[in-house]
Amino acid sequence: MNLPKRNLGGNYGLVSIAVLDQAKLDDVRRSYARALGRVSGSHDPRLEEAFYRVHREAFLPPGPWKLLVEGQFLETPKADPAHVYQNVAIALDSRKGINNGEPYLHAMWIGAAAPQPGETVTQIGLGMGYYSAILSLLVQPGGRLIGFEIDSDLAETSRRNLSAYENVSVVTGDATSLEVPPSDLIYVSAAVVEPPEHWLMALRPGGRLIFPWRPTVDVALAMLVKRVSAGFEARPLMSCWFIPCAGASSYKGRLLVPSPSSAQRIRSLQLTRVQAPDESAVADYEHCWFSSAQAGVKNT
């Protein structure tokens, strides 16, 4: 199926889906990167440069590609890389529902998480490694990225795609049961109900955990958690939908269910073994709970 020749880039200046001459591909990449730098909300010019330097088509299956447009996958007319520089998800494995996610969303996540040179990033769910490559550039010099991918085929593909990135290592396995290294940023690309406690404890002081929170059918939010001296700050960012994270997407131990409105009031995450849920609780699970109170504030 051919794609409609129309702009899917909103107001950020992305190019039309009409096939472009290869001679213009560099301009397309630069326009795409500039748009992502703007939408990210970040003042770090390195973010735009990273999106420009990392070629999206190098982390996709061979074209033509299936682009998710308004809820349905449409195939590009041919394998022209210009097609992939749009704010659309692109199928990696349609049988498993695995996509290369929307660039605007990931640009906003990266802008909010603000990876810095010298930091250690743990990424959970690599796909074919596109956003891994971008994150790895943003922690250079001196930083590294350790990626966990539970799907063995995707892990091997991402390992091959990222072989030129010397600060990246890929682990094949389930990050909900494997040890996670001490991290400045944990970046999760699959939907979680209760973040595993060992992820939280792996965060260094000032470390951030960003993940898609999907506690109910009606609540699907990106959540940013930061480890501070008083505990864990938490705040919702924007709506997002991801495939479930194996090992962290069940409802076991759920005691309190958030509503869409109460979820927006979350300001901290508490470990149950440290503090029992109180009247500020918005969502309560087996090992942790989300609170409308600021980190370190106890309601009596």
Protein backbone atom coordinates (compact mmCIF):
# COMPACT_ATOMS: atom_id res chain seq x y z
CA MET A 1 0.00 0.00 0.00
CA ASN A 2 1.37 3.40 -0.94
CA LEU A 3 1.57 6.23 1.55
CA PRO A 4 -0.46 9.39 1.10
CA LYS A 5 1.67 12.34 0.02
CA ARG A 6 1.01 14.56 2.99
CA ASN A 7 2.86 16.00 5.93
CA LEU A 8 2.73 13.96 9.14
CA GLY A 9 5.09 16.24 11.03
CA GLY A 10 2.63 18.55 12.75
CA ASN A 11 4.05 22.06 13.12
CA TYR A 12 7.69 21.05 13.44
CA GLY A 13 8.71 21.20 9.80
CA LEU A 14 9.14 17.51 8.99
CA VAL A 15 9.21 16.67 5.31
CA SER A 16 6.38 15.35 3.22
CA ILE A 17 6.08 11.58 2.78
CA ALA A 18 6.45 12.12 -0.99
CA VAL A 19 9.56 10.38 -2.28
CA LEU A 20 12.59 12.66 -2.20
CA ASP A 21 15.71 12.68 -4.35
CA GLN A 22 18.67 10.99 -2.67
CA ALA A 23 20.69 14.17 -3.12
CA LYS A 24 18.38 15.84 -0.61
CA LEU A 25 18.67 13.10 2.03
CA ASP A 26 21.17 15.02 4.14
CA ASP A 27 18.83 18.02 4.21
CA VAL A 28 15.98 15.72 5.23
CA ARG A 29 18.05 14.32 8.11
CA ARG A 30 19.02 17.80 9.25
CA SER A 31 15.41 19.02 9.16
CA TYR A 32 14.29 15.95 11.10
CA ALA A 33 17.00 16.46 13.74
CA ARG A 34 16.20 20.16 14.06
CA ALA A 35 12.52 19.35 14.63
CA LEU A 36 13.40 16.80 17.31
CA GLY A 37 15.69 19.27 19.03
CA ARG A 38 12.81 21.75 19.24
CA VAL A 39 10.17 19.31 20.42
CA SER A 40 12.49 17.78 23.04
CA GLY A 41 12.27 20.84 25.27
CA SER A 42 16.01 20.54 25.80
CA HIS A 43 18.52 23.38 25.45
CA ASP A 44 21.32 20.88 24.87
CA PRO A 45 22.44 21.23 21.22
CA ARG A 46 24.01 17.76 21.40
CA LEU A 47 20.55 16.19 21.22
CA GLU A 48 19.85 17.60 17.77
CA GLU A 49 23.32 16.62 16.62
CA ALA A 50 22.88 13.04 17.86
CA PHE A 51 19.60 12.63 15.97
CA TYR A 52 21.32 13.98 12.85
CA ARG A 53 24.38 11.74 13.12
CA VAL A 54 22.51 8.46 13.79
CA HIS A 55 20.82 7.26 10.60
CA ARG A 56 17.44 5.77 11.42
CA GLU A 57 17.34 3.42 8.43
CA ALA A 58 20.50 1.68 9.70
CA PHE A 59 18.48 0.41 12.69
CA LEU A 60 15.46 -0.86 10.75
CA PRO A 61 14.72 -3.97 8.68
CA PRO A 62 15.43 -3.58 4.95
CA GLY A 63 12.95 -1.31 3.18
CA PRO A 64 10.32 -0.74 2.02
CA TRP A 65 9.13 -0.02 5.56
CA LYS A 66 5.77 -0.22 7.31
CA LEU A 67 4.97 3.14 8.92
CA LEU A 68 2.24 3.45 11.53
CA VAL A 69 -0.02 6.23 10.27
CA GLU A 70 -3.24 7.06 12.15
CA GLY A 71 -3.57 3.58 13.58
CA GLN A 72 -2.69 1.53 10.52
CA PHE A 73 0.54 0.39 8.91
CA LEU A 74 1.19 1.73 5.44
CA GLU A 75 4.10 0.54 3.33
CA THR A 76 6.46 3.05 1.76
CA PRO A 77 6.48 3.02 -2.05
CA LYS A 78 10.15 2.01 -2.10
CA ALA A 79 13.23 1.73 0.10
CA ASP A 80 14.07 5.43 -0.01
CA PRO A 81 15.52 6.38 3.42
CA ALA A 82 13.83 9.77 3.19
CA HIS A 83 10.59 8.02 4.12
CA VAL A 84 11.76 7.09 7.63
CA TYR A 85 12.50 10.66 8.78
CA GLN A 86 8.96 11.24 9.98
CA ASN A 87 7.32 11.33 13.39
CA VAL A 88 5.91 7.83 13.00
CA ALA A 89 6.53 4.43 14.53
CA ILE A 90 8.00 1.90 12.12
CA ALA A 91 7.43 -1.85 12.33
CA LEU A 92 10.40 -3.94 13.43
CA ASP A 93 8.46 -7.17 13.94
CA SER A 94 4.77 -6.75 13.17
CA ARG A 95 3.98 -10.30 14.37
CA LYS A 96 5.14 -9.39 17.89
CA GLY A 97 3.89 -5.81 17.79
CA ILE A 98 7.45 -4.44 18.12
CA ASN A 99 8.11 -1.05 16.56
CA ASN A 100 10.77 1.61 16.38
CA GLY A 101 8.87 4.20 18.44
CA GLU A 102 7.81 7.72 17.54
CA PRO A 103 10.82 10.06 17.43
CA TYR A 104 8.96 13.01 18.99
CA LEU A 105 8.09 10.93 22.04
CA HIS A 106 11.64 9.67 22.51
CA ALA A 107 13.07 13.14 21.92
CA MET A 108 10.86 14.46 24.74
CA TRP A 109 11.90 11.57 27.00
CA ILE A 110 15.57 12.17 26.30
CA GLY A 111 15.11 15.89 26.85
CA ALA A 112 13.42 15.25 30.21
CA ALA A 113 15.97 12.63 31.32
CA ALA A 114 18.91 14.80 30.18
CA PRO A 115 21.74 12.24 29.77
CA GLN A 116 25.14 13.83 30.36
CA PRO A 117 28.75 13.01 29.39
CA GLY A 118 30.31 10.43 31.69
CA GLU A 119 27.00 8.92 32.81
CA THR A 120 26.00 5.26 32.75
CA VAL A 121 22.73 4.49 30.98
CA THR A 122 20.89 1.21 31.36
CA GLN A 123 18.37 0.73 28.58
CA ILE A 124 15.68 -1.91 28.95
CA GLY A 125 14.24 -2.93 25.59
CA LEU A 126 16.56 -2.02 22.71
CA GLY A 127 14.58 -2.99 19.65
CA MET A 128 17.20 -2.75 16.91
CA GLY A 129 19.26 -0.16 18.76
CA TYR A 130 18.27 3.20 17.23
CA TYR A 131 17.61 5.13 20.44
CA SER A 132 20.46 3.22 22.09
CA ALA A 133 22.87 4.75 19.59
CA ILE A 134 21.55 8.24 20.28
CA LEU A 135 21.77 7.79 24.06
CA SER A 136 25.29 6.41 23.74
CA LEU A 137 26.43 9.56 21.92
CA LEU A 138 24.91 11.80 24.57
CA VAL A 139 26.94 10.20 27.40
CA GLN A 140 30.24 10.56 25.56
CA PRO A 141 32.97 11.16 26.47
CA GLY A 142 33.43 8.79 29.37
CA GLY A 143 29.92 7.35 29.58
CA ARG A 144 28.53 3.99 28.60
CA LEU A 145 25.27 2.26 27.78
CA ILE A 146 24.32 -1.23 28.90
CA GLY A 147 21.29 -2.54 27.04
CA PHE A 148 19.02 -5.42 28.04
CA GLU A 149 16.93 -7.09 25.34
CA ILE A 150 14.79 -10.10 26.21
CA ASP A 151 14.12 -11.10 22.59
CA SER A 152 17.19 -13.06 21.47
CA ASP A 153 16.77 -12.20 17.78
CA LEU A 154 16.46 -8.48 18.51
CA ALA A 155 19.38 -8.65 20.93
CA GLU A 156 21.61 -10.13 18.25
CA THR A 157 20.44 -7.58 15.67
CA SER A 158 20.99 -4.64 18.02
CA ARG A 159 24.40 -6.00 19.02
CA ARG A 160 25.36 -6.10 15.34
CA ASN A 161 23.89 -2.66 14.59
CA LEU A 162 25.69 -1.11 17.57
CA SER A 163 29.05 -2.78 17.00
CA ALA A 164 30.66 0.52 15.96
CA TYR A 165 29.60 2.16 19.24
CA GLU A 166 32.43 1.20 21.57
CA ASN A 167 30.69 2.42 24.73
CA VAL A 168 27.68 0.11 24.22
CA SER A 169 27.24 -3.46 25.46
CA VAL A 170 24.16 -5.62 24.92
CA VAL A 171 22.85 -8.23 27.35
CA THR A 172 20.40 -10.85 26.15
CA GLY A 173 17.97 -11.45 28.99
CA ASP A 174 15.20 -10.24 31.28
CA ALA A 175 16.15 -7.07 33.16
CA THR A 176 13.35 -7.67 35.68
CA SER A 177 15.24 -10.70 37.01
CA LEU A 178 18.86 -9.94 36.12
CA GLU A 179 21.13 -7.61 38.08
CA VAL A 180 21.12 -4.05 36.76
CA PRO A 181 24.36 -2.04 37.08
CA PRO A 182 24.59 1.20 39.08
CA SER A 183 23.06 3.74 36.71
CA ASP A 184 22.62 7.45 36.24
CA LEU A 185 19.73 6.80 33.86
CA ILE A 186 17.51 3.76 33.37
CA TYR A 187 15.56 4.09 30.13
CA VAL A 188 12.70 1.60 29.72
CA SER A 189 10.96 0.98 26.40
CA ALA A 190 8.19 -1.39 27.52
CA ALA A 191 5.11 -0.78 29.66
CA VAL A 192 5.49 -1.33 33.41
CA VAL A 193 2.93 -1.56 36.21
CA GLU A 194 5.26 -1.70 39.23
CA PRO A 195 8.92 -0.80 38.63
CA PRO A 196 11.10 -3.55 40.13
CA GLU A 197 12.75 -2.48 43.37
CA HIS A 198 16.21 -3.44 42.14
CA TRP A 199 15.85 -0.90 39.30
CA LEU A 200 15.19 1.84 41.83
CA MET A 201 18.06 0.77 44.04
CA ALA A 202 20.40 0.73 41.03
CA LEU A 203 19.92 4.47 40.59
CA ARG A 204 22.84 6.55 41.78
CA PRO A 205 22.14 9.80 43.68
CA GLY A 206 20.50 12.07 41.15
CA GLY A 207 19.81 9.10 38.89
CA ARG A 208 16.68 9.04 36.75
CA LEU A 209 14.32 6.25 35.75
CA ILE A 210 12.01 6.93 32.82
CA PHE A 211 9.45 4.34 31.82
CA PRO A 212 5.97 3.87 30.31
CA TRP A 213 3.58 3.36 33.23
CA ARG A 214 0.50 1.32 32.33
CA PRO A 215 -1.30 0.43 35.58
CA THR A 216 -4.79 0.27 34.03
CA VAL A 217 -6.46 0.31 30.64
CA ASP A 218 -7.26 4.00 31.18
CA VAL A 219 -3.84 5.15 32.44
CA ALA A 220 -0.85 5.12 30.10
CA LEU A 221 1.78 7.69 31.04
CA ALA A 222 5.49 8.26 30.72
CA MET A 223 6.80 8.48 34.30
CA LEU A 224 10.05 10.14 35.35
CA VAL A 225 11.50 9.08 38.71
CA LYS A 226 14.57 10.73 40.25
CA ARG A 227 16.56 9.50 43.23
CA VAL A 228 17.07 12.34 45.71
CA SER A 229 18.30 12.47 49.29
CA ALA A 230 14.73 12.29 50.58
CA GLY A 231 13.77 9.27 48.46
CA PHE A 232 12.33 9.21 44.94
CA GLU A 233 10.69 12.13 43.21
CA ALA A 234 8.18 11.13 40.53
CA ARG A 235 6.13 12.98 37.96
CA PRO A 236 4.04 12.04 34.94
CA LEU A 237 5.17 13.49 31.62
CA MET A 238 2.81 12.64 28.78
CA SER A 239 0.53 9.91 27.46
CA CYS A 240 2.25 6.95 25.81
CA TRP A 241 1.46 3.37 24.80
CA PHE A 242 4.06 0.58 24.69
CA ILE A 243 3.96 -3.20 24.57
CA PRO A 244 4.08 -4.80 28.05
CA CYS A 245 7.39 -5.33 29.81
CA ALA A 246 7.79 -9.04 30.51
CA GLY A 247 8.12 -9.55 34.25
CA ALA A 248 6.88 -6.09 35.24
CA SER A 249 3.46 -5.72 33.66
CA SER A 250 1.30 -7.95 35.85
CA TYR A 251 -1.17 -6.75 38.47
CA LYS A 252 0.09 -8.98 41.27
CA GLY A 253 -0.12 -7.27 44.62
CA ARG A 254 -2.17 -4.35 43.34
CA LEU A 255 -3.99 -2.73 46.24
CA LEU A 256 -5.00 0.69 44.95
CA VAL A 257 -5.83 1.57 41.36
CA PRO A 258 -5.11 5.07 40.02
CA SER A 259 -7.58 7.02 37.91
CA PRO A 260 -6.47 9.25 35.03
CA SER A 261 -6.94 12.32 37.23
CA SER A 262 -5.29 10.94 40.37
CA ALA A 263 -2.31 9.71 38.32
CA GLN A 264 -1.58 13.30 37.33
CA ARG A 265 -1.13 14.22 41.03
CA ILE A 266 1.81 11.85 41.59
CA ARG A 267 4.87 13.59 43.02
CA SER A 268 6.87 10.76 44.62
CA LEU A 269 7.44 7.03 44.68
CA GLN A 270 7.87 5.23 47.99
CA LEU A 271 9.30 1.83 48.88
CA THR A 272 6.82 -0.07 51.04
CA ARG A 273 9.58 -1.51 53.22
CA VAL A 274 10.69 2.04 54.04
CA GLN A 275 7.30 3.69 54.48
CA ALA A 276 3.83 2.17 54.61
CA PRO A 277 1.21 3.68 52.27
CA ASP A 278 -0.66 6.60 53.79
CA GLU A 279 -3.56 8.81 52.73
CA SER A 280 -1.45 10.39 49.99
CA ALA A 281 -1.24 7.05 48.12
CA VAL A 282 -2.39 7.16 44.51
CA ALA A 283 -1.34 3.65 43.46
CA ASP A 284 -0.20 0.84 45.75
CA TYR A 285 1.69 -2.30 44.77
CA GLU A 286 3.58 -5.12 46.39
CA HIS A 287 6.93 -3.37 46.83
CA CYS A 288 6.27 0.30 46.13
CA TRP A 289 3.55 2.92 45.95
CA PHE A 290 3.01 6.26 44.26
CA SER A 291 2.15 9.30 46.36
CA SER A 292 0.74 12.77 45.77
CA ALA A 293 3.09 14.09 48.47
CA GLN A 294 6.59 15.36 47.76
CA ALA A 295 9.47 12.98 48.44
CA GLY A 296 10.36 12.93 52.13
CA VAL A 297 7.00 14.31 53.26
CA LYS A 298 5.00 12.01 55.54
CA ASN A 299 1.30 12.44 56.05
CA THR A 300 -0.01 11.66 59.52
